[in-house]
């Protein structure tokens, strides 16, 4: 299999950035939660996000519970 895999164990995690990566799969072990908001400067100005993917291709977020900014829960 080409690319890399990251297995995320249960727990609460801070927002994160994926930058300059290719063919990366990030998979939840059972029920990890990525929670909070980070501010990121983009070509379109300052943006708030939980997970920011930049200069990357073929990034897969699999079964992560992503929560942030009081907007509810999205299971990716």
C-alpha atoms as a PDB file:
ATOM      1  CA  UNK A   1       0.000   0.000   0.000  1.00  0.00           C
ATOM      2  CA  UNK A   2       1.383   3.412  -0.937  1.00  0.00           C
ATOM      3  CA  UNK A   3       1.269   6.191   1.642  1.00  0.00           C
ATOM      4  CA  UNK A   4       1.192   6.242   5.414  1.00  0.00           C
ATOM      5  CA  UNK A   5      -1.370   5.486   8.093  1.00  0.00           C
ATOM      6  CA  UNK A   6      -1.782   7.046  11.533  1.00  0.00           C
ATOM      7  CA  UNK A   7      -3.862   5.210  14.143  1.00  0.00           C
ATOM      8  CA  UNK A   8      -5.374   7.581  16.740  1.00  0.00           C
ATOM      9  CA  UNK A   9      -6.091   6.074  20.159  1.00  0.00           C
ATOM     10  CA  UNK A  10      -9.059   7.057  22.324  1.00  0.00           C
ATOM     11  CA  UNK A  11      -8.770  10.412  24.060  1.00  0.00           C
ATOM     12  CA  UNK A  12      -9.285  14.117  23.492  1.00  0.00           C
ATOM     13  CA  UNK A  13      -7.009  15.850  21.009  1.00  0.00           C
ATOM     14  CA  UNK A  14      -6.327  19.466  20.101  1.00  0.00           C
ATOM     15  CA  UNK A  15      -6.928  20.863  16.603  1.00  0.00           C
ATOM     16  CA  UNK A  16      -4.163  20.012  14.142  1.00  0.00           C
ATOM     17  CA  UNK A  17      -2.740  20.890  10.735  1.00  0.00           C
ATOM     18  CA  UNK A  18      -1.675  18.531   7.947  1.00  0.00           C
ATOM     19  CA  UNK A  19       0.802  20.388   5.736  1.00  0.00           C
ATOM     20  CA  UNK A  20       2.826  19.164   2.782  1.00  0.00           C
ATOM     21  CA  UNK A  21       1.734  15.516   2.995  1.00  0.00           C
ATOM     22  CA  UNK A  22       0.545  13.013   0.413  1.00  0.00           C
ATOM     23  CA  UNK A  23      -1.347   9.732   0.688  1.00  0.00           C
ATOM     24  CA  UNK A  24      -2.009   9.898   4.428  1.00  0.00           C
ATOM     25  CA  UNK A  25      -4.847   8.112   6.228  1.00  0.00           C
ATOM     26  CA  UNK A  26      -5.693   9.111   9.807  1.00  0.00           C
ATOM     27  CA  UNK A  27      -7.948   6.474  11.399  1.00  0.00           C
ATOM     28  CA  UNK A  28      -9.758   6.463  14.750  1.00  0.00           C
ATOM     29  CA  UNK A  29      -9.065   3.553  17.072  1.00  0.00           C
ATOM     30  CA  UNK A  30     -12.479   3.616  18.733  1.00  0.00           C
ATOM     31  CA  UNK A  31     -13.753   7.051  19.720  1.00  0.00           C
ATOM     32  CA  UNK A  32     -11.066   9.753  19.787  1.00  0.00           C
ATOM     33  CA  UNK A  33     -12.338  13.342  19.808  1.00  0.00           C
ATOM     34  CA  UNK A  34     -10.588  16.255  18.094  1.00  0.00           C
ATOM     35  CA  UNK A  35     -12.014  19.302  19.820  1.00  0.00           C
ATOM     36  CA  UNK A  36     -11.437  23.038  19.807  1.00  0.00           C
ATOM     37  CA  UNK A  37     -10.625  25.666  17.235  1.00  0.00           C
ATOM     38  CA  UNK A  38      -7.383  26.916  15.742  1.00  0.00           C
ATOM     39  CA  UNK A  39      -6.986  30.134  13.760  1.00  0.00           C
ATOM     40  CA  UNK A  40      -5.073  29.711  10.509  1.00  0.00           C
ATOM     41  CA  UNK A  41      -3.982  32.404   8.055  1.00  0.00           C
ATOM     42  CA  UNK A  42      -4.836  31.409   4.480  1.00  0.00           C
ATOM     43  CA  UNK A  43      -4.823  33.117   1.084  1.00  0.00           C
ATOM     44  CA  UNK A  44      -8.417  34.045   1.948  1.00  0.00           C
ATOM     45  CA  UNK A  45      -7.617  35.599   5.327  1.00  0.00           C
ATOM     46  CA  UNK A  46      -7.826  34.302   8.871  1.00  0.00           C
ATOM     47  CA  UNK A  47      -9.950  31.156   9.212  1.00  0.00           C
ATOM     48  CA  UNK A  48     -11.056  29.126  12.238  1.00  0.00           C
ATOM     49  CA  UNK A  49     -10.915  25.359  11.885  1.00  0.00           C
ATOM     50  CA  UNK A  50     -10.477  22.117  13.784  1.00  0.00           C
ATOM     51  CA  UNK A  51      -8.450  20.262  11.144  1.00  0.00           C
ATOM     52  CA  UNK A  52      -6.603  22.283   8.499  1.00  0.00           C
ATOM     53  CA  UNK A  53      -5.196  20.518   5.408  1.00  0.00           C
ATOM     54  CA  UNK A  54      -2.757  22.622   3.369  1.00  0.00           C
ATOM     55  CA  UNK A  55      -0.489  21.838   0.398  1.00  0.00           C
ATOM     56  CA  UNK A  56      -1.450  18.168   0.683  1.00  0.00           C
ATOM     57  CA  UNK A  57      -3.096  15.534  -1.521  1.00  0.00           C
ATOM     58  CA  UNK A  58      -5.080  12.367  -0.820  1.00  0.00           C
ATOM     59  CA  UNK A  59      -5.618  12.953   2.917  1.00  0.00           C
ATOM     60  CA  UNK A  60      -8.268  10.697   4.500  1.00  0.00           C
ATOM     61  CA  UNK A  61      -9.809  11.276   7.943  1.00  0.00           C
ATOM     62  CA  UNK A  62     -11.522   8.039   8.916  1.00  0.00           C
ATOM     63  CA  UNK A  63     -14.068   7.822  11.764  1.00  0.00           C
ATOM     64  CA  UNK A  64     -12.736  10.771  13.812  1.00  0.00           C
ATOM     65  CA  UNK A  65     -15.217  12.645  16.009  1.00  0.00           C
ATOM     66  CA  UNK A  66     -14.458  16.270  15.083  1.00  0.00           C
ATOM     67  CA  UNK A  67     -16.010  18.966  17.287  1.00  0.00           C
ATOM     68  CA  UNK A  68     -15.354  22.681  17.273  1.00  0.00           C
ATOM     69  CA  UNK A  69     -16.591  26.222  17.513  1.00  0.00           C
ATOM     70  CA  UNK A  70     -19.961  25.213  18.956  1.00  0.00           C
ATOM     71  CA  UNK A  71     -21.214  24.110  15.543  1.00  0.00           C
ATOM     72  CA  UNK A  72     -22.038  20.532  16.530  1.00  0.00           C
ATOM     73  CA  UNK A  73     -20.406  17.215  15.778  1.00  0.00           C
ATOM     74  CA  UNK A  74     -19.269  15.900  12.413  1.00  0.00           C
ATOM     75  CA  UNK A  75     -18.016  12.324  12.128  1.00  0.00           C
ATOM     76  CA  UNK A  76     -15.443  12.210   9.351  1.00  0.00           C
END
